[in-house]
Amino acid sequence: MSDIPANLTWERAAPPEATGPGPWIELAFGDNDLVYIRETSDPETVVTTTRKKWDAFVLGVQAGEFDHFVEGLEGVEDGSP
């Protein structure tokens, strides 16, 4: 995708003890308050959002607003995959 800056610093959202290629989510914070999101398994597909929307999403996750999406999934309670 040509409108993705080449100089982004991607940060992998994975547990510190994680090994292997994932797939993991990676984030990069760019100019103009843009946040870039991609998966390690498909790095050419990049989604963008604003910093304000990203911060609102993070606050929602911290508040448990999305917990219902993972209810009943194995390993969610203890953080294991």
C-alpha atoms as a PDB file:
ATOM      1  CA  MET A   1       0.000   0.000   0.000  1.00  0.00           C
ATOM      2  CA  SER A   2       1.700   3.189  -1.146  1.00  0.00           C
ATOM      3  CA  ASP A   3       0.229   5.585   1.433  1.00  0.00           C
ATOM      4  CA  ILE A   4       1.809   3.726   4.371  1.00  0.00           C
ATOM      5  CA  PRO A   5       4.961   5.562   5.468  1.00  0.00           C
ATOM      6  CA  ALA A   6       8.107   3.490   5.013  1.00  0.00           C
ATOM      7  CA  ASN A   7       9.738   4.812   8.191  1.00  0.00           C
ATOM      8  CA  LEU A   8       7.209   3.447  10.705  1.00  0.00           C
ATOM      9  CA  THR A   9       8.479   1.624  13.771  1.00  0.00           C
ATOM     10  CA  TRP A  10       6.265  -1.431  14.258  1.00  0.00           C
ATOM     11  CA  GLU A  11       5.675  -2.730  17.776  1.00  0.00           C
ATOM     12  CA  ARG A  12       4.495  -6.301  18.223  1.00  0.00           C
ATOM     13  CA  ALA A  13       1.631  -6.817  20.667  1.00  0.00           C
ATOM     14  CA  ALA A  14       2.686 -10.182  22.056  1.00  0.00           C
ATOM     15  CA  PRO A  15       3.426 -11.501  25.535  1.00  0.00           C
ATOM     16  CA  PRO A  16       7.115 -11.143  26.475  1.00  0.00           C
ATOM     17  CA  GLU A  17       7.543 -14.919  26.614  1.00  0.00           C
ATOM     18  CA  ALA A  18       5.982 -15.441  23.166  1.00  0.00           C
ATOM     19  CA  THR A  19       8.075 -17.299  20.622  1.00  0.00           C
ATOM     20  CA  GLY A  20       7.553 -17.970  16.970  1.00  0.00           C
ATOM     21  CA  PRO A  21       6.055 -15.935  14.182  1.00  0.00           C
ATOM     22  CA  GLY A  22       2.576 -15.572  15.653  1.00  0.00           C
ATOM     23  CA  PRO A  23       0.447 -14.340  13.967  1.00  0.00           C
ATOM     24  CA  TRP A  24       0.609 -11.253  16.130  1.00  0.00           C
ATOM     25  CA  ILE A  25      -0.850  -7.786  15.844  1.00  0.00           C
ATOM     26  CA  GLU A  26       1.655  -5.011  15.201  1.00  0.00           C
ATOM     27  CA  LEU A  27       1.113  -1.284  15.786  1.00  0.00           C
ATOM     28  CA  ALA A  28       2.891   1.796  14.549  1.00  0.00           C
ATOM     29  CA  PHE A  29       2.205   5.380  15.506  1.00  0.00           C
ATOM     30  CA  GLY A  30       2.709   7.831  12.676  1.00  0.00           C
ATOM     31  CA  ASP A  31       2.408  11.496  11.873  1.00  0.00           C
ATOM     32  CA  ASN A  32      -0.886  13.379  12.078  1.00  0.00           C
ATOM     33  CA  ASP A  33      -2.028  11.214  15.018  1.00  0.00           C
ATOM     34  CA  LEU A  34      -2.493   8.150  12.807  1.00  0.00           C
ATOM     35  CA  VAL A  35      -2.216   4.607  14.158  1.00  0.00           C
ATOM     36  CA  TYR A  36      -1.339   1.775  11.770  1.00  0.00           C
ATOM     37  CA  ILE A  37      -2.360  -1.812  12.565  1.00  0.00           C
ATOM     38  CA  ARG A  38      -1.359  -5.033  10.799  1.00  0.00           C
ATOM     39  CA  GLU A  39      -0.926  -8.765  11.361  1.00  0.00           C
ATOM     40  CA  THR A  40       2.474 -10.382  11.130  1.00  0.00           C
ATOM     41  CA  SER A  41       0.990 -13.050   8.850  1.00  0.00           C
ATOM     42  CA  ASP A  42      -0.185 -10.396   6.342  1.00  0.00           C
ATOM     43  CA  PRO A  43       2.043  -7.318   6.733  1.00  0.00           C
ATOM     44  CA  GLU A  44       0.920  -5.782   3.442  1.00  0.00           C
ATOM     45  CA  THR A  45      -2.638  -5.325   4.734  1.00  0.00           C
ATOM     46  CA  VAL A  46      -2.645  -2.297   7.011  1.00  0.00           C
ATOM     47  CA  VAL A  47      -5.592  -0.671   8.747  1.00  0.00           C
ATOM     48  CA  THR A  48      -5.396   2.899  10.003  1.00  0.00           C
ATOM     49  CA  THR A  49      -7.256   4.773  12.682  1.00  0.00           C
ATOM     50  CA  THR A  50      -6.724   7.930  14.660  1.00  0.00           C
ATOM     51  CA  ARG A  51      -4.915   8.151  17.974  1.00  0.00           C
ATOM     52  CA  LYS A  52      -8.109   9.400  19.647  1.00  0.00           C
ATOM     53  CA  LYS A  53     -10.087   6.352  18.449  1.00  0.00           C
ATOM     54  CA  TRP A  54      -7.237   3.993  19.381  1.00  0.00           C
ATOM     55  CA  ASP A  55      -7.063   5.448  22.887  1.00  0.00           C
ATOM     56  CA  ALA A  56     -10.853   5.051  23.263  1.00  0.00           C
ATOM     57  CA  PHE A  57     -10.559   1.408  22.158  1.00  0.00           C
ATOM     58  CA  VAL A  58      -7.766   0.716  24.663  1.00  0.00           C
ATOM     59  CA  LEU A  59      -9.806   2.277  27.473  1.00  0.00           C
ATOM     60  CA  GLY A  60     -12.755   0.073  26.465  1.00  0.00           C
ATOM     61  CA  VAL A  61     -10.588  -3.045  26.582  1.00  0.00           C
ATOM     62  CA  GLN A  62      -9.258  -2.074  29.997  1.00  0.00           C
ATOM     63  CA  ALA A  63     -12.824  -1.505  31.223  1.00  0.00           C
ATOM     64  CA  GLY A  64     -13.919  -4.957  30.033  1.00  0.00           C
ATOM     65  CA  GLU A  65     -16.311  -3.652  27.377  1.00  0.00           C
ATOM     66  CA  PHE A  66     -15.296  -6.393  24.932  1.00  0.00           C
ATOM     67  CA  ASP A  67     -15.045  -9.351  27.306  1.00  0.00           C
ATOM     68  CA  HIS A  68     -18.257 -10.861  25.946  1.00  0.00           C
ATOM     69  CA  PHE A  69     -16.452 -11.582  22.666  1.00  0.00           C
ATOM     70  CA  VAL A  70     -14.177 -14.112  24.361  1.00  0.00           C
ATOM     71  CA  GLU A  71     -16.512 -15.689  26.918  1.00  0.00           C
ATOM     72  CA  GLY A  72     -16.130 -19.439  26.877  1.00  0.00           C
ATOM     73  CA  LEU A  73     -12.945 -19.488  24.811  1.00  0.00           C
ATOM     74  CA  GLU A  74     -10.292 -21.836  26.130  1.00  0.00           C
ATOM     75  CA  GLY A  75      -7.274 -20.183  27.755  1.00  0.00           C
ATOM     76  CA  VAL A  76      -8.718 -16.681  27.946  1.00  0.00           C
ATOM     77  CA  GLU A  77      -8.902 -16.563  31.731  1.00  0.00           C
ATOM     78  CA  ASP A  78      -5.234 -17.402  32.260  1.00  0.00           C
ATOM     79  CA  GLY A  79      -3.882 -15.573  29.218  1.00  0.00           C
ATOM     80  CA  SER A  80      -2.635 -18.693  27.433  1.00  0.00           C
ATOM     81  CA  PRO A  81      -3.259 -19.145  23.683  1.00  0.00           C
END
